[in-house]
């Protein structure tokens, strides 16, 4: 099943960064919650043991969908890793964002998602193959 959210009020050049951040946080928590529901009924490996790699997508996908595709970007990878921390390792973790102006000159901002744990920031995208240029920007 594919569920789309129409969010015309956010992620545009004129949108307030705080509204973008609040919307992004809500979407991520929904994806994390979906991963936790998936794990309640199905077994799944830890992200770093799954064989999944970094690859840019436009989809927000849970563990099951990422495993089928074999790759994902920061949205889905971070949500999976946070699920690993919260459900398997029983440790706190949360998503944090970095903003960067888009290269297309539109004035809109792109985001990158990292995971904050008690040991600091973790970038699953970088660990799973995001190229050095993109990783150094964030």
Protein backbone atom coordinates (compact mmCIF):
# COMPACT_ATOMS: atom_id res chain seq x y z
CA UNK A 1 0.00 0.00 0.00
CA UNK A 2 1.22 3.48 -0.82
CA UNK A 3 -0.12 6.36 1.24
CA UNK A 4 0.56 9.90 0.04
CA UNK A 5 0.40 13.06 2.10
CA UNK A 6 -0.48 16.28 0.30
CA UNK A 7 1.49 19.03 2.05
CA UNK A 8 1.35 22.08 -0.22
CA UNK A 9 2.03 24.49 2.65
CA UNK A 10 5.56 23.24 3.44
CA UNK A 11 8.95 22.66 1.80
CA UNK A 12 8.59 25.63 -0.53
CA UNK A 13 10.89 28.67 -0.90
CA UNK A 14 8.50 30.89 1.08
CA UNK A 15 7.83 28.42 3.90
CA UNK A 16 9.09 29.17 7.38
CA UNK A 17 11.93 26.82 8.39
CA UNK A 18 10.26 26.16 11.75
CA UNK A 19 7.08 24.96 10.04
CA UNK A 20 9.17 22.77 7.73
CA UNK A 21 11.00 21.32 10.73
CA UNK A 22 7.79 20.61 12.65
CA UNK A 23 6.25 18.93 9.59
CA UNK A 24 9.40 16.89 8.97
CA UNK A 25 9.51 15.78 12.62
CA UNK A 26 5.86 14.65 12.46
CA UNK A 27 6.44 12.68 9.26
CA UNK A 28 9.54 11.01 10.68
CA UNK A 29 7.81 10.02 13.91
CA UNK A 30 5.01 8.47 11.84
CA UNK A 31 7.55 6.44 9.84
CA UNK A 32 9.40 5.42 13.01
CA UNK A 33 6.08 4.33 14.54
CA UNK A 34 5.32 2.29 11.42
CA UNK A 35 8.70 0.56 11.73
CA UNK A 36 7.92 -0.24 15.34
CA UNK A 37 4.57 -1.76 14.34
CA UNK A 38 6.30 -3.78 11.62
CA UNK A 39 8.79 -5.13 14.14
CA UNK A 40 5.99 -6.08 16.50
CA UNK A 41 4.68 -8.59 13.94
CA UNK A 42 7.75 -9.43 11.84
CA UNK A 43 11.42 -10.03 12.36
CA UNK A 44 13.88 -7.65 10.78
CA UNK A 45 17.63 -7.33 10.97
CA UNK A 46 19.38 -4.31 12.39
CA UNK A 47 19.88 -1.71 9.67
CA UNK A 48 23.65 -2.14 9.45
CA UNK A 49 23.28 -5.93 9.19
CA UNK A 50 20.54 -5.81 6.52
CA UNK A 51 22.62 -5.40 3.37
CA UNK A 52 20.71 -2.22 2.51
CA UNK A 53 22.77 0.61 0.99
CA UNK A 54 22.31 4.34 0.50
CA UNK A 55 20.51 5.47 -2.63
CA UNK A 56 18.47 8.60 -3.26
CA UNK A 57 14.69 8.15 -3.38
CA UNK A 58 11.61 10.32 -3.13
CA UNK A 59 9.69 7.73 -1.09
CA UNK A 60 9.33 7.51 2.67
CA UNK A 61 9.51 3.77 3.22
CA UNK A 62 9.31 1.48 6.22
CA UNK A 63 11.66 -1.44 6.91
CA UNK A 64 9.70 -3.87 4.72
CA UNK A 65 9.72 -1.57 1.69
CA UNK A 66 13.39 -0.66 2.08
CA UNK A 67 14.35 -4.33 2.24
CA UNK A 68 12.47 -4.99 -1.00
CA UNK A 69 14.10 -2.03 -2.78
CA UNK A 70 17.55 -2.70 -1.28
CA UNK A 71 18.41 0.96 -0.85
CA UNK A 72 17.02 4.12 0.71
CA UNK A 73 18.06 7.63 1.64
CA UNK A 74 18.24 9.55 4.88
CA UNK A 75 14.50 9.60 5.60
CA UNK A 76 13.98 5.86 5.62
CA UNK A 77 17.46 4.93 6.86
CA UNK A 78 17.22 7.22 9.87
CA UNK A 79 13.74 6.00 10.75
CA UNK A 80 14.97 2.38 10.60
CA UNK A 81 18.04 3.15 12.71
CA UNK A 82 15.96 4.96 15.33
CA UNK A 83 13.72 1.89 15.47
CA UNK A 84 16.85 -0.23 16.04
CA UNK A 85 17.88 1.95 18.95
CA UNK A 86 14.46 2.24 20.56
CA UNK A 87 13.18 -1.31 20.04
CA UNK A 88 16.22 -3.57 19.94
CA UNK A 89 18.94 -1.75 21.86
CA UNK A 90 16.47 -0.08 24.27
CA UNK A 91 18.35 3.20 23.97
CA UNK A 92 17.02 6.69 23.25
CA UNK A 93 17.45 8.09 19.75
CA UNK A 94 15.85 10.87 17.77
CA UNK A 95 15.98 12.40 14.33
CA UNK A 96 17.74 15.71 13.80
CA UNK A 97 17.84 17.73 10.58
CA UNK A 98 20.31 19.81 8.66
CA UNK A 99 19.11 22.36 6.10
CA UNK A 100 20.92 23.40 2.92
CA UNK A 101 19.75 25.68 0.09
CA UNK A 102 18.92 23.74 -3.07
CA UNK A 103 21.44 24.02 -5.87
CA UNK A 104 18.68 24.89 -8.40
CA UNK A 105 18.48 28.53 -7.27
CA UNK A 106 14.79 28.20 -6.29
CA UNK A 107 15.38 29.42 -2.75
CA UNK A 108 13.93 26.20 -1.36
CA UNK A 109 15.91 24.19 1.17
CA UNK A 110 16.77 20.52 1.17
CA UNK A 111 17.13 18.58 4.37
CA UNK A 112 19.35 15.81 5.58
CA UNK A 113 18.42 13.62 8.52
CA UNK A 114 20.84 12.35 11.14
CA UNK A 115 20.26 10.28 14.26
CA UNK A 116 21.12 11.65 17.68
CA UNK A 117 21.96 9.05 20.32
CA UNK A 118 23.57 9.33 23.72
CA UNK A 119 26.92 8.85 21.92
CA UNK A 120 26.39 11.78 19.53
CA UNK A 121 25.31 12.17 15.92
CA UNK A 122 25.17 9.22 13.55
CA UNK A 123 24.66 9.41 9.79
CA UNK A 124 23.35 6.08 8.47
CA UNK A 125 23.40 7.49 4.93
CA UNK A 126 27.12 8.12 5.09
CA UNK A 127 27.81 4.77 6.71
CA UNK A 128 25.82 2.98 4.00
CA UNK A 129 27.46 4.68 1.03
CA UNK A 130 26.39 8.29 0.58
CA UNK A 131 29.22 9.86 -1.38
CA UNK A 132 31.84 11.97 0.34
CA UNK A 133 30.68 15.26 -1.23
CA UNK A 134 27.12 14.93 0.05
CA UNK A 135 28.24 13.64 3.43
CA UNK A 136 30.64 16.54 3.98
CA UNK A 137 27.91 19.12 3.24
CA UNK A 138 25.90 17.97 6.25
